[in-house]
Structures are given as C-alpha cells and as structure tokens.
Amino acid sequence: MTPTLLQRPGQRARDYLYWKFITMGAVRLGRQSILDVHEQWKGVRYGSKGKLELYRIGDDESEACDVAGRYPDAAARLESRMNAIRGPSELWPLPESGFPPMA
C-alpha cells in the first residue's frame, strides 16, 4: 500500500482484497470482507459460520441490498476465495459469531 499512499509507481495489482475485523472485548465477534476488484462484487460474512452476503459495489454503495440469492455463482466464488485466503490463526481466531451493522 505504501506506493499508492505516497503516489509512487510500483504498487502490485490485486484481483481480490480481503480484510477482517475482530473485537477483543468480553464477547469476541468477527466480520470478514472480500472485494473482487475487477467484477466489483463485495462479499461480507459475520463470524466464521455466517452466511455470505453479496453486494455490487457500483450499484449499491451503502450495501443495503444483499443479492447473494440472485447471483449464487458469484457468492460461492467469493466465499471459496475468502475461505482459501484466511487460514486458521492461534493469535487471531475468527469467532463463530459476528456483528452485523446497527440498523
């Protein structure tokens, strides 16, 4: 990310971006997200056992409409990629439960 932040050349192009948030309070909760850079699909899963939600970034910037049921192939592809990217971690285990945003 450094070349991009410093507006210098050299940033390697990525097909997918993956990130996660884990709270470390009395109740451990987690959220994972993955973005298909080229197709503009974003997958979100709350906890390690949650159902993947799918959003089309260009059409739904506020992530208000989960379209995983209408695009099961895209959802399955992102979930498979998410599972392959994130391996088990003793230091940062992903909790089974997650924290959906407040309505």
Protein backbone atom coordinates (compact mmCIF):
# COMPACT_ATOMS: atom_id res chain seq x y z
CA MET A 1 0.00 0.00 0.00
CA THR A 2 2.93 2.33 0.55
CA PRO A 3 3.48 3.17 -3.16
CA THR A 4 -0.19 4.05 -3.54
CA LEU A 5 -0.30 6.18 -0.40
CA LEU A 6 2.85 8.03 -1.45
CA GLN A 7 1.58 8.33 -5.06
CA ARG A 8 4.59 6.44 -6.40
CA PRO A 9 4.71 3.70 -9.01
CA GLY A 10 5.31 0.11 -8.01
CA GLN A 11 2.03 -0.98 -6.45
CA ARG A 12 1.30 -4.56 -7.45
CA ALA A 13 -2.20 -5.02 -8.91
CA ARG A 14 -4.51 -7.34 -6.97
CA ASP A 15 -7.53 -9.31 -8.11
CA TYR A 16 -9.00 -9.54 -4.61
CA LEU A 17 -8.77 -7.52 -1.43
CA TYR A 18 -9.55 -9.23 1.90
CA TRP A 19 -9.90 -7.77 5.37
CA LYS A 20 -11.34 -8.71 8.73
CA PHE A 21 -12.33 -7.07 12.00
CA ILE A 22 -12.26 -8.91 15.31
CA THR A 23 -13.41 -7.33 18.55
CA MET A 24 -11.42 -8.32 21.60
CA GLY A 25 -13.95 -7.38 24.29
CA ALA A 26 -15.81 -9.64 26.70
CA VAL A 27 -17.65 -11.14 23.72
CA ARG A 28 -15.43 -11.88 20.72
CA LEU A 29 -17.12 -11.07 17.42
CA GLY A 30 -15.81 -11.01 13.86
CA ARG A 31 -16.52 -9.78 10.36
CA GLN A 32 -14.77 -10.70 7.11
CA SER A 33 -14.97 -8.87 3.79
CA ILE A 34 -13.63 -9.63 0.34
CA LEU A 35 -13.72 -7.48 -2.79
CA ASP A 36 -13.37 -8.74 -6.35
CA VAL A 37 -11.54 -5.75 -7.79
CA HIS A 38 -12.42 -6.45 -11.43
CA GLU A 39 -16.04 -7.55 -11.09
CA GLN A 40 -16.86 -5.10 -8.27
CA TRP A 41 -18.51 -7.76 -6.09
CA LYS A 42 -18.11 -7.45 -2.33
CA GLY A 43 -18.74 -10.38 -0.02
CA VAL A 44 -19.33 -9.90 3.71
CA ARG A 45 -19.58 -12.63 6.35
CA TYR A 46 -20.25 -12.05 10.05
CA GLY A 47 -18.27 -14.57 12.05
CA SER A 48 -16.77 -17.77 10.67
CA LYS A 49 -20.14 -19.52 10.38
CA GLY A 50 -22.26 -16.69 8.99
CA LYS A 51 -23.94 -16.69 5.59
CA LEU A 52 -22.08 -14.71 2.94
CA GLU A 53 -23.82 -11.50 1.90
CA LEU A 54 -23.11 -10.22 -1.62
CA TYR A 55 -23.18 -6.62 -2.82
CA ARG A 56 -22.44 -4.96 -6.17
CA ILE A 57 -20.24 -2.02 -5.22
CA GLY A 58 -21.05 0.27 -8.16
CA ASP A 59 -24.82 -0.23 -7.80
CA ASP A 60 -25.19 -0.43 -4.01
CA GLU A 61 -22.52 1.66 -2.28
CA SER A 62 -24.35 1.59 1.07
CA GLU A 63 -24.59 -2.24 0.99
CA ALA A 64 -28.34 -2.13 1.57
CA CYS A 65 -29.38 -4.97 -0.77
CA ASP A 66 -27.86 -8.44 -0.34
CA VAL A 67 -28.03 -10.07 -3.81
CA ALA A 68 -26.41 -13.43 -2.95
CA GLY A 69 -29.67 -15.25 -3.77
CA ARG A 70 -29.78 -13.73 -7.27
CA TYR A 71 -26.08 -14.38 -8.02
CA PRO A 72 -25.24 -17.68 -6.30
CA ASP A 73 -22.22 -18.35 -8.54
CA ALA A 74 -20.59 -15.02 -7.63
CA ALA A 75 -21.37 -15.58 -3.93
CA ALA A 76 -19.91 -19.10 -4.00
CA ARG A 77 -16.77 -17.89 -5.81
CA LEU A 78 -16.14 -15.12 -3.28
CA GLU A 79 -16.84 -17.40 -0.32
CA SER A 80 -14.47 -20.02 -1.68
CA ARG A 81 -11.77 -17.38 -2.19
CA MET A 82 -12.39 -15.99 1.31
CA ASN A 83 -12.01 -19.45 2.83
CA ALA A 84 -8.77 -20.03 0.89
CA ILE A 85 -7.24 -16.69 1.90
CA ARG A 86 -7.93 -16.90 5.61
CA GLY A 87 -6.21 -19.76 7.34
CA PRO A 88 -6.51 -20.70 10.99
CA SER A 89 -4.70 -18.45 13.44
CA GLU A 90 -3.93 -19.16 17.07
CA LEU A 91 -3.31 -15.45 17.70
CA TRP A 92 -6.42 -14.15 15.91
CA PRO A 93 -9.03 -16.90 15.73
CA LEU A 94 -12.16 -15.74 13.96
CA PRO A 95 -15.16 -16.14 16.28
CA GLU A 96 -18.16 -18.12 15.05
CA SER A 97 -20.48 -15.20 15.67
CA GLY A 98 -20.33 -11.79 14.06
CA PHE A 99 -21.67 -8.30 14.42
CA PRO A 100 -23.99 -7.03 11.70
CA PRO A 101 -24.19 -3.24 11.48
CA MET A 102 -26.71 -1.40 13.61
CA ALA A 103 -29.91 -0.51 11.74
